Amino acid sequence: MKILILTQYFPPETGAPQNRLFEIALRLKRAGDQVHVLTAMPNYPKMRIFDNYRGKLFFKEEIEGIKVYRSFIYTSKNRSIIARLLNYFSFVFSSFIYGFFLRGKYDYLICESPPLFLGISALLISKIKNASLVFNVSDLWPESAEKLGIISNKFLLKWSEKLELHFYRKSKIVSGQTQGIIASIKARTDHNHTYWLPNGVDPEIFNPDNYSGVWRKNMGFNEDDFLLLYAGIIGYAQGLEVILQAAQILKGYPQIKFVLIGDGPEKEMLLNLKSSLDISNVFFYSNQEKKDMPDIIKSFNATIVPLKKIPLFLGAIPSKIFENLAMKVPVILGVEGEAKEIFIDKGKAGLAFEPENAQDLADKILAFYLNPDLLRNTAENGRKYVLEYFNRDKIAKDFRDYLYKVKEEK
């Protein structure tokens, strides 16, 4: 097969869609398919074009044998709706221009959503290239934008919802990252081909036996420190205030320390909150290189994965869970719904706390801190569980088999 992946986000950026799409592309290529990627100039999450790409309208490169075509995108640290729409539509327009001039036909065009509006470019390019469209939904939009308060304009929300359903109807396959996303799409459409395409982990890269956890020592932490990690986007949806509030509750336990790794729009707010709470057991670091993350994760006793307490997130599965569990680092999960059912109730890979409840989070941290056997057992359970159900190799193989099956139905 010849496949074109259309996405606003791709390495060298770091993040969930970037990693997931790259890993799928890599495995499809290894299986013998020809995979190209059409994406934006890298800028996320700082919303500033990376140095090596600045000043370019179009750019072609190769990443581990995958041809990557990049086009212009407008970036701004302004978070207004106008700035957001300029960001989205600048890439919609530039990606269509670049896609129009790509040579040859494709069997499939896989479009990553959000941003939802990228579907406009995907529909046009798929028609020009005679490609079946796979609309891959990692976040239900505009529903999430409305419930997070990102967009409140009723006209824009109504228009976006109509556009969303139009993209589903025009797609050969609609895939989603969670079962909740797929259930929502099925409830609103009569689509014949919906497919659960979960996130996962490479068990060879994220293998605790291959790493020493030397990051702990290099950063000046002690062997007997009980370290808790949050690594990822420092955004509104995560509700990271709860970590600092729990840190304040637990400041009487000097060995318990909290580390937040990442960048994002809420980081300055959290730094100010740390100052106002007058706590010294919370440490902030910027985004780290992807290759360093296994050793960094290995350095921690447990990881905290929170989200805001809103119904939207009942179907959310934060991607950071998979890599942490693969490294035998249990999760303290502040996400209700599907994620809790999969990893806590079934996988026995950690403990759950009520989202945005700092006291409950502090209690769960103490449960691990005071019970080494519980910590050890959940760590072992976690790796076994993700290797059995969320191995990237198996996920990519099953997806490829499904693409071939649908292709033969033509």
Protein backbone atom coordinates (compact mmCIF):
# COMPACT_ATOMS: atom_id res chain seq x y z
CA MET A 1 0.00 0.00 0.00
CA LYS A 2 0.93 3.62 -0.45
CA ILE A 3 -0.18 5.75 2.49
CA LEU A 4 -0.12 9.50 3.16
CA ILE A 5 -0.45 10.65 6.78
CA LEU A 6 -1.74 14.21 7.14
CA THR A 7 -1.13 15.69 10.59
CA GLN A 8 -0.37 19.08 12.11
CA TYR A 9 1.84 17.38 14.71
CA PHE A 10 4.90 15.21 14.07
CA PRO A 11 8.46 14.72 15.40
CA PRO A 12 10.82 16.36 16.18
CA GLU A 13 7.96 17.76 18.25
CA THR A 14 7.18 15.76 21.39
CA GLY A 15 3.71 14.74 22.43
CA ALA A 16 1.11 11.99 22.22
CA PRO A 17 -0.03 12.34 18.56
CA GLN A 18 3.53 12.98 17.39
CA ASN A 19 4.84 9.77 18.96
CA ARG A 20 1.83 7.64 18.07
CA LEU A 21 1.75 8.62 14.39
CA PHE A 22 5.49 8.25 13.98
CA GLU A 23 5.47 4.78 15.53
CA ILE A 24 2.57 3.65 13.31
CA ALA A 25 4.27 5.08 10.21
CA LEU A 26 7.52 3.34 11.09
CA ARG A 27 5.86 -0.04 11.53
CA LEU A 28 3.83 0.25 8.33
CA LYS A 29 7.05 1.04 6.48
CA ARG A 30 8.84 -1.92 8.04
CA ALA A 31 5.97 -4.15 6.94
CA GLY A 32 6.60 -3.13 3.33
CA ASP A 33 4.20 -0.24 2.78
CA GLN A 34 5.23 3.10 1.30
CA VAL A 35 4.46 5.78 3.89
CA HIS A 36 4.73 9.56 3.42
CA VAL A 37 3.87 12.25 5.97
CA LEU A 38 2.49 15.72 5.21
CA THR A 39 2.86 17.91 8.26
CA ALA A 40 3.56 21.41 9.57
CA MET A 41 6.82 23.09 10.42
CA PRO A 42 7.56 21.89 13.97
CA ASN A 43 6.53 24.41 16.63
CA TYR A 44 4.63 22.64 19.41
CA PRO A 45 4.25 23.22 22.38
CA LYS A 46 6.06 26.57 22.54
CA MET A 47 4.26 27.83 19.39
CA ARG A 48 7.53 28.95 17.86
CA ILE A 49 8.99 27.38 14.71
CA PHE A 50 12.06 25.29 15.53
CA ASP A 51 15.35 26.91 14.52
CA ASN A 52 16.25 24.57 11.64
CA TYR A 53 12.87 25.16 9.95
CA ARG A 54 12.35 28.87 10.48
CA GLY A 55 11.74 31.04 7.43
CA LYS A 56 10.67 28.15 5.18
CA LEU A 57 7.36 27.83 3.36
CA PHE A 58 7.89 24.21 2.30
CA PHE A 59 10.50 21.69 3.31
CA LYS A 60 11.22 18.03 2.57
CA GLU A 61 13.20 15.69 4.80
CA GLU A 62 13.51 12.04 5.73
CA ILE A 63 13.11 10.61 9.24
CA GLU A 64 14.22 6.99 9.64
CA GLY A 65 13.41 6.30 6.01
CA ILE A 66 10.01 8.02 6.03
CA LYS A 67 9.59 10.92 3.61
CA VAL A 68 8.25 13.94 5.47
CA TYR A 69 6.81 16.95 3.63
CA ARG A 70 6.42 20.11 5.73
CA SER A 71 4.50 23.29 4.96
CA PHE A 72 4.00 26.71 6.49
CA ILE A 73 1.98 27.25 9.66
CA TYR A 74 1.15 30.49 11.47
CA THR A 75 2.26 30.42 15.11
CA SER A 76 1.52 32.76 17.98
CA LYS A 77 1.64 32.55 21.77
CA ASN A 78 -1.63 34.48 21.79
CA ARG A 79 -4.36 31.99 22.83
CA SER A 80 -7.30 34.00 21.45
CA ILE A 81 -9.79 32.26 19.17
CA ILE A 82 -8.57 34.35 16.21
CA ALA A 83 -4.97 33.25 16.76
CA ARG A 84 -6.06 29.62 17.09
CA LEU A 85 -8.06 29.74 13.87
CA LEU A 86 -5.16 31.37 12.02
CA ASN A 87 -2.93 28.58 13.28
CA TYR A 88 -5.33 25.87 12.10
CA PHE A 89 -6.32 27.34 8.75
CA SER A 90 -2.82 28.43 7.74
CA PHE A 91 -1.83 24.77 7.75
CA VAL A 92 -5.09 23.68 6.11
CA PHE A 93 -4.26 25.97 3.20
CA SER A 94 -0.51 25.28 2.96
CA SER A 95 -0.93 21.50 3.34
CA PHE A 96 -3.44 21.46 0.49
CA ILE A 97 -1.03 23.38 -1.75
CA TYR A 98 1.83 20.99 -0.96
CA GLY A 99 -0.41 17.94 -1.15
CA PHE A 100 -1.75 19.00 -4.55
CA PHE A 101 1.75 18.89 -6.02
CA LEU A 102 2.83 15.57 -4.49
CA ARG A 103 3.43 13.03 -7.20
CA GLY A 104 1.42 9.88 -7.68
CA LYS A 105 -1.67 8.36 -6.12
CA TYR A 106 -2.21 6.92 -2.65
CA ASP A 107 -4.32 4.02 -1.41
CA TYR A 108 -5.10 5.74 1.89
CA LEU A 109 -4.88 9.21 3.34
CA ILE A 110 -4.88 9.09 7.16
CA CYS A 111 -5.89 12.45 8.66
CA GLU A 112 -5.23 13.18 12.33
CA SER A 113 -7.93 15.16 14.15
CA PRO A 114 -7.84 17.50 15.98
CA PRO A 115 -7.51 20.01 14.55
CA LEU A 116 -10.88 19.22 13.00
CA PHE A 117 -10.48 21.73 10.18
CA LEU A 118 -7.57 19.75 8.72
CA GLY A 119 -10.29 17.49 7.36
CA ILE A 120 -10.94 20.13 4.68
CA SER A 121 -7.46 19.64 3.26
CA ALA A 122 -7.74 15.88 3.75
CA LEU A 123 -10.97 15.64 1.74
CA LEU A 124 -9.58 17.66 -1.15
CA ILE A 125 -6.23 15.86 -1.29
CA SER A 126 -7.85 12.42 -0.97
CA LYS A 127 -10.03 13.16 -4.02
CA ILE A 128 -7.09 14.44 -6.05
CA LYS A 129 -4.91 11.46 -5.09
CA ASN A 130 -7.73 8.91 -5.43
CA ALA A 131 -7.11 7.86 -1.82
CA SER A 132 -9.58 6.39 0.66
CA LEU A 133 -9.83 8.70 3.66
CA VAL A 134 -9.15 7.45 7.19
CA PHE A 135 -10.28 10.07 9.68
CA ASN A 136 -8.39 9.37 12.90
CA VAL A 137 -9.97 11.01 15.96
CA SER A 138 -7.78 11.41 19.03
CA ASP A 139 -10.12 13.95 20.66
CA LEU A 140 -13.78 14.64 19.94
CA TRP A 141 -13.93 18.15 18.54
CA PRO A 142 -15.77 20.54 18.85
CA GLU A 143 -17.21 18.83 21.95
CA SER A 144 -13.93 19.06 23.85
CA ALA A 145 -13.34 22.67 22.78
CA GLU A 146 -16.76 23.66 24.09
CA LYS A 147 -16.51 21.83 27.42
CA LEU A 148 -12.99 23.13 28.08
CA GLY A 149 -14.14 26.67 27.36
CA ILE A 150 -11.79 27.07 24.39
CA ILE A 151 -14.68 28.02 22.10
CA SER A 152 -17.96 29.54 23.29
CA ASN A 153 -19.28 31.07 20.05
CA LYS A 154 -22.53 29.20 19.32
CA PHE A 155 -22.37 29.74 15.57
CA LEU A 156 -18.82 28.40 15.35
CA LEU A 157 -19.68 25.40 17.54
CA LYS A 158 -22.75 24.52 15.47
CA TRP A 159 -20.87 24.93 12.19
CA SER A 160 -17.97 22.83 13.52
CA GLU A 161 -20.30 20.02 14.60
CA LYS A 162 -21.82 19.87 11.12
CA LEU A 163 -18.33 19.81 9.63
CA GLU A 164 -17.32 17.01 12.01
CA LEU A 165 -20.22 14.79 10.94
CA HIS A 166 -19.55 15.61 7.28
CA PHE A 167 -15.95 14.37 7.62
CA TYR A 168 -17.16 11.14 9.24
CA ARG A 169 -19.62 10.51 6.42
CA LYS A 170 -17.03 11.16 3.71
CA SER A 171 -14.42 8.89 5.28
CA LYS A 172 -13.92 5.28 4.30
CA ILE A 173 -12.79 4.50 7.86
CA VAL A 174 -13.22 6.49 11.07
CA SER A 175 -10.75 5.43 13.75
CA GLY A 176 -10.49 6.61 17.34
CA GLN A 177 -7.99 6.44 20.18
CA THR A 178 -10.47 5.29 22.82
CA GLN A 179 -13.55 3.11 22.92
CA GLY A 180 -15.47 6.13 24.22
CA ILE A 181 -14.63 8.09 21.07
CA ILE A 182 -15.75 5.20 18.88
CA ALA A 183 -18.99 4.82 20.85
CA SER A 184 -19.76 8.52 20.41
CA ILE A 185 -19.16 8.36 16.66
CA LYS A 186 -21.31 5.23 16.28
CA ALA A 187 -24.12 6.87 18.25
CA ARG A 188 -24.20 9.85 15.87
CA THR A 189 -23.57 8.15 12.55
CA ASP A 190 -24.33 4.90 10.75
CA HIS A 191 -20.73 4.44 9.61
CA ASN A 192 -19.83 0.95 8.37
CA HIS A 193 -16.15 1.11 9.24
CA THR A 194 -15.21 2.37 12.71
CA TYR A 195 -11.99 1.14 14.26
CA TRP A 196 -10.47 1.39 17.73
CA LEU A 197 -6.82 2.39 17.22
CA PRO A 198 -5.43 2.66 20.76
CA ASN A 199 -2.17 4.15 21.84
CA GLY A 200 0.53 1.80 23.04
CA VAL A 201 4.18 1.32 23.83
CA ASP A 202 7.33 -0.19 22.34
CA PRO A 203 8.31 -2.78 24.98
CA GLU A 204 11.89 -2.97 23.74
CA ILE A 205 12.57 0.76 24.02
CA PHE A 206 10.67 1.05 27.30
CA ASN A 207 12.28 -1.89 29.07
CA PRO A 208 13.30 -1.26 32.69
CA ASP A 209 16.03 -3.89 32.48
CA ASN A 210 17.96 -1.68 30.04
CA TYR A 211 18.18 1.42 32.24
CA SER A 212 19.75 2.36 35.56
CA GLY A 213 17.64 5.36 36.50
CA VAL A 214 20.81 7.46 36.69
CA TRP A 215 18.76 10.62 36.02
CA ARG A 216 17.79 10.62 39.70
CA LYS A 217 21.40 10.92 40.80
CA ASN A 218 22.35 13.35 38.04
CA MET A 219 19.61 15.75 39.12
CA GLY A 220 20.73 15.67 42.76
CA PHE A 221 17.98 13.48 44.23
CA ASN A 222 18.81 10.85 46.85
CA GLU A 223 18.29 7.11 46.53
CA ASP A 224 15.84 7.13 49.43
CA ASP A 225 13.76 9.99 48.03
CA PHE A 226 10.24 8.94 47.05
CA LEU A 227 9.90 10.61 43.66
CA LEU A 228 6.60 11.26 41.88
CA LEU A 229 6.54 12.20 38.19
CA TYR A 230 4.25 14.16 35.95
CA ALA A 231 5.63 14.38 32.39
CA GLY A 232 3.71 15.93 29.53
CA ILE A 233 1.96 19.07 28.39
CA ILE A 234 1.49 21.67 31.13
CA GLY A 235 -2.01 22.58 30.03
CA TYR A 236 -5.42 23.50 31.33
CA ALA A 237 -7.04 20.10 30.80
CA GLN A 238 -4.58 18.33 33.11
CA GLY A 239 -5.58 20.28 36.22
CA LEU A 240 -2.03 20.14 37.58
CA GLU A 241 -2.84 22.43 40.49
CA VAL A 242 -3.90 19.27 42.33
CA ILE A 243 -0.29 18.06 42.38
CA LEU A 244 0.98 21.22 44.05
CA GLN A 245 -1.91 21.18 46.50
CA ALA A 246 -1.09 17.55 47.42
CA ALA A 247 2.56 18.54 47.77
CA GLN A 248 1.53 21.16 50.32
CA ILE A 249 -0.44 18.55 52.27
CA LEU A 250 2.58 16.20 52.29
CA LYS A 251 5.31 18.74 53.03
CA GLY A 252 5.77 17.07 56.42
CA TYR A 253 7.27 14.07 54.58
CA PRO A 254 10.62 15.43 53.36
CA GLN A 255 11.45 12.32 51.30
CA ILE A 256 8.33 12.69 49.14
CA LYS A 257 9.15 14.94 46.18
CA PHE A 258 7.23 15.93 43.07
CA VAL A 259 8.75 16.50 39.62
CA LEU A 260 6.88 18.08 36.70
CA ILE A 261 8.56 17.75 33.30
CA GLY A 262 7.18 19.63 30.32
CA ASP A 263 6.11 22.96 28.90
CA GLY A 264 2.80 24.56 28.10
CA PRO A 265 0.42 27.47 28.64
CA GLU A 266 -0.20 26.78 32.35
CA LYS A 267 3.41 26.47 33.45
CA GLU A 268 3.81 30.08 34.57
CA MET A 269 0.61 29.82 36.60
CA LEU A 270 1.93 26.72 38.36
CA LEU A 271 5.26 28.38 39.13
CA ASN A 272 3.37 31.26 40.70
CA LEU A 273 1.21 28.80 42.65
CA LYS A 274 4.31 27.06 43.99
CA SER A 275 5.58 30.40 45.23
CA SER A 276 2.27 31.33 46.85
CA LEU A 277 1.99 27.94 48.59
CA ASP A 278 5.59 28.30 49.82
CA ILE A 279 6.53 24.68 49.07
CA SER A 280 10.00 23.35 48.30
CA ASN A 281 9.12 19.74 47.43
CA VAL A 282 8.05 20.47 43.83
CA PHE A 283 10.56 20.69 40.97
CA PHE A 284 9.99 21.87 37.38
CA TYR A 285 11.99 20.87 34.30
CA SER A 286 11.47 21.66 30.62
CA ASN A 287 10.71 19.05 27.96
CA GLN A 288 13.34 16.32 27.77
CA GLU A 289 14.67 14.46 24.74
CA LYS A 290 12.53 11.47 23.79
CA LYS A 291 15.54 9.16 23.92
CA ASP A 292 16.14 10.11 27.56
CA MET A 293 12.62 9.40 28.78
CA PRO A 294 13.02 5.67 29.59
CA ASP A 295 15.87 6.40 32.01
CA ILE A 296 14.01 9.40 33.43
CA ILE A 297 10.87 7.33 34.08
CA LYS A 298 13.00 4.56 35.62
CA SER A 299 14.21 7.12 38.19
CA PHE A 300 10.74 7.50 39.76
CA ASN A 301 8.77 5.50 42.28
CA ALA A 302 5.37 6.36 40.81
CA THR A 303 3.76 8.65 38.27
CA ILE A 304 0.76 10.95 38.61
CA VAL A 305 -1.67 11.24 35.68
CA PRO A 306 -4.43 13.79 36.33
CA LEU A 307 -7.19 15.41 34.29
CA LYS A 308 -9.92 17.91 35.14
CA LYS A 309 -13.11 16.48 36.63
CA ILE A 310 -15.46 16.95 33.68
CA PRO A 311 -17.65 14.38 31.85
CA LEU A 312 -15.65 14.87 28.66
CA PHE A 313 -12.70 12.98 30.15
CA LEU A 314 -14.64 9.86 31.08
CA GLY A 315 -13.47 8.47 27.73
CA ALA A 316 -9.92 9.81 27.87
CA ILE A 317 -6.78 7.67 28.06
CA PRO A 318 -3.67 9.83 28.59
CA SER A 319 -0.84 8.43 26.48
CA LYS A 320 1.79 8.78 29.20
CA ILE A 321 0.23 5.84 31.05
CA PHE A 322 1.60 3.24 28.63
CA GLU A 323 5.28 4.16 28.82
CA ASN A 324 5.24 4.57 32.60
CA LEU A 325 3.68 1.15 33.14
CA ALA A 326 6.05 -0.48 30.66
CA MET A 327 8.93 0.82 32.79
CA LYS A 328 7.36 -0.77 35.90
CA VAL A 329 6.40 2.60 37.35
CA PRO A 330 2.83 2.37 38.73
CA VAL A 331 0.34 5.13 38.06
CA ILE A 332 -1.67 7.25 40.48
CA LEU A 333 -4.56 8.00 38.16
CA GLY A 334 -6.81 11.03 38.48
CA VAL A 335 -8.99 10.13 35.50
CA GLU A 336 -12.41 8.54 35.83
CA GLY A 337 -14.16 6.33 33.31
CA GLU A 338 -12.44 4.28 30.63
CA ALA A 339 -8.85 4.80 31.80
CA LYS A 340 -9.68 3.77 35.37
CA GLU A 341 -11.58 0.70 34.18
CA ILE A 342 -8.70 -0.44 31.96
CA PHE A 343 -5.61 0.25 34.06
CA ILE A 344 -6.81 0.25 37.67
CA ASP A 345 -9.84 -2.05 37.81
CA LYS A 346 -8.64 -4.59 35.22
CA GLY A 347 -4.89 -4.07 35.02
CA LYS A 348 -4.28 -3.55 38.77
CA ALA A 349 -1.46 -1.24 37.68
CA GLY A 350 -1.88 1.55 40.20
CA LEU A 351 -4.23 3.52 42.41
CA ALA A 352 -7.01 5.94 41.49
CA PHE A 353 -7.88 9.26 43.08
CA GLU A 354 -10.84 11.54 42.52
CA PRO A 355 -9.90 14.15 39.89
CA GLU A 356 -9.04 17.56 41.38
CA ASN A 357 -9.16 16.12 44.94
CA ALA A 358 -5.78 16.97 46.49
CA GLN A 359 -6.46 15.17 49.77
CA ASP A 360 -7.38 11.97 47.95
CA LEU A 361 -4.22 12.25 45.85
CA ALA A 362 -2.13 12.76 48.99
CA ASP A 363 -3.75 9.70 50.59
CA LYS A 364 -2.95 7.51 47.57
CA ILE A 365 0.65 8.74 47.54
CA LEU A 366 0.99 7.80 51.20
CA ALA A 367 -0.53 4.38 50.46
CA PHE A 368 2.36 3.70 48.07
CA TYR A 369 4.98 5.40 50.26
CA LEU A 370 4.05 3.36 53.34
CA ASN A 371 3.49 0.03 51.55
CA PRO A 372 6.47 -1.08 49.41
CA ASP A 373 4.77 -4.39 48.58
CA LEU A 374 1.76 -2.60 47.07
CA LEU A 375 4.11 -0.42 45.04
CA ARG A 376 6.08 -3.44 43.82
CA ASN A 377 3.02 -5.53 42.91
CA THR A 378 1.31 -2.78 40.91
CA ALA A 379 4.60 -2.09 39.11
CA GLU A 380 4.85 -5.73 38.01
CA ASN A 381 1.18 -5.82 37.02
CA GLY A 382 1.55 -2.69 34.90
CA ARG A 383 4.27 -3.96 32.61
CA LYS A 384 2.58 -7.33 32.11
CA TYR A 385 -0.70 -5.65 31.26
CA VAL A 386 0.52 -3.16 28.67
CA LEU A 387 2.73 -5.77 27.00
CA GLU A 388 -0.27 -8.05 26.59
CA TYR A 389 -2.83 -5.50 25.42
CA PHE A 390 -1.00 -2.36 24.23
CA ASN A 391 2.08 -3.51 22.34
CA ARG A 392 2.68 -1.09 19.43
CA ASP A 393 3.82 -3.91 17.15
CA LYS A 394 0.53 -5.76 17.54
CA ILE A 395 -1.53 -2.56 17.30
CA ALA A 396 0.15 -1.59 14.01
CA LYS A 397 -0.17 -5.12 12.59
CA ASP A 398 -3.87 -5.32 13.38
CA PHE A 399 -4.46 -1.86 11.90
CA ARG A 400 -2.56 -2.76 8.73
CA ASP A 401 -4.57 -5.97 8.38
CA TYR A 402 -7.78 -3.93 8.72
CA LEU A 403 -6.66 -1.44 6.06
CA TYR A 404 -5.98 -4.29 3.63
CA LYS A 405 -9.34 -5.92 4.45
CA VAL A 406 -11.27 -2.70 3.74
CA LYS A 407 -9.21 -2.03 0.62
CA GLU A 408 -10.19 -5.43 -0.80
CA GLU A 409 -13.88 -4.60 -0.33
CA LYS A 410 -13.76 -1.98 -3.12
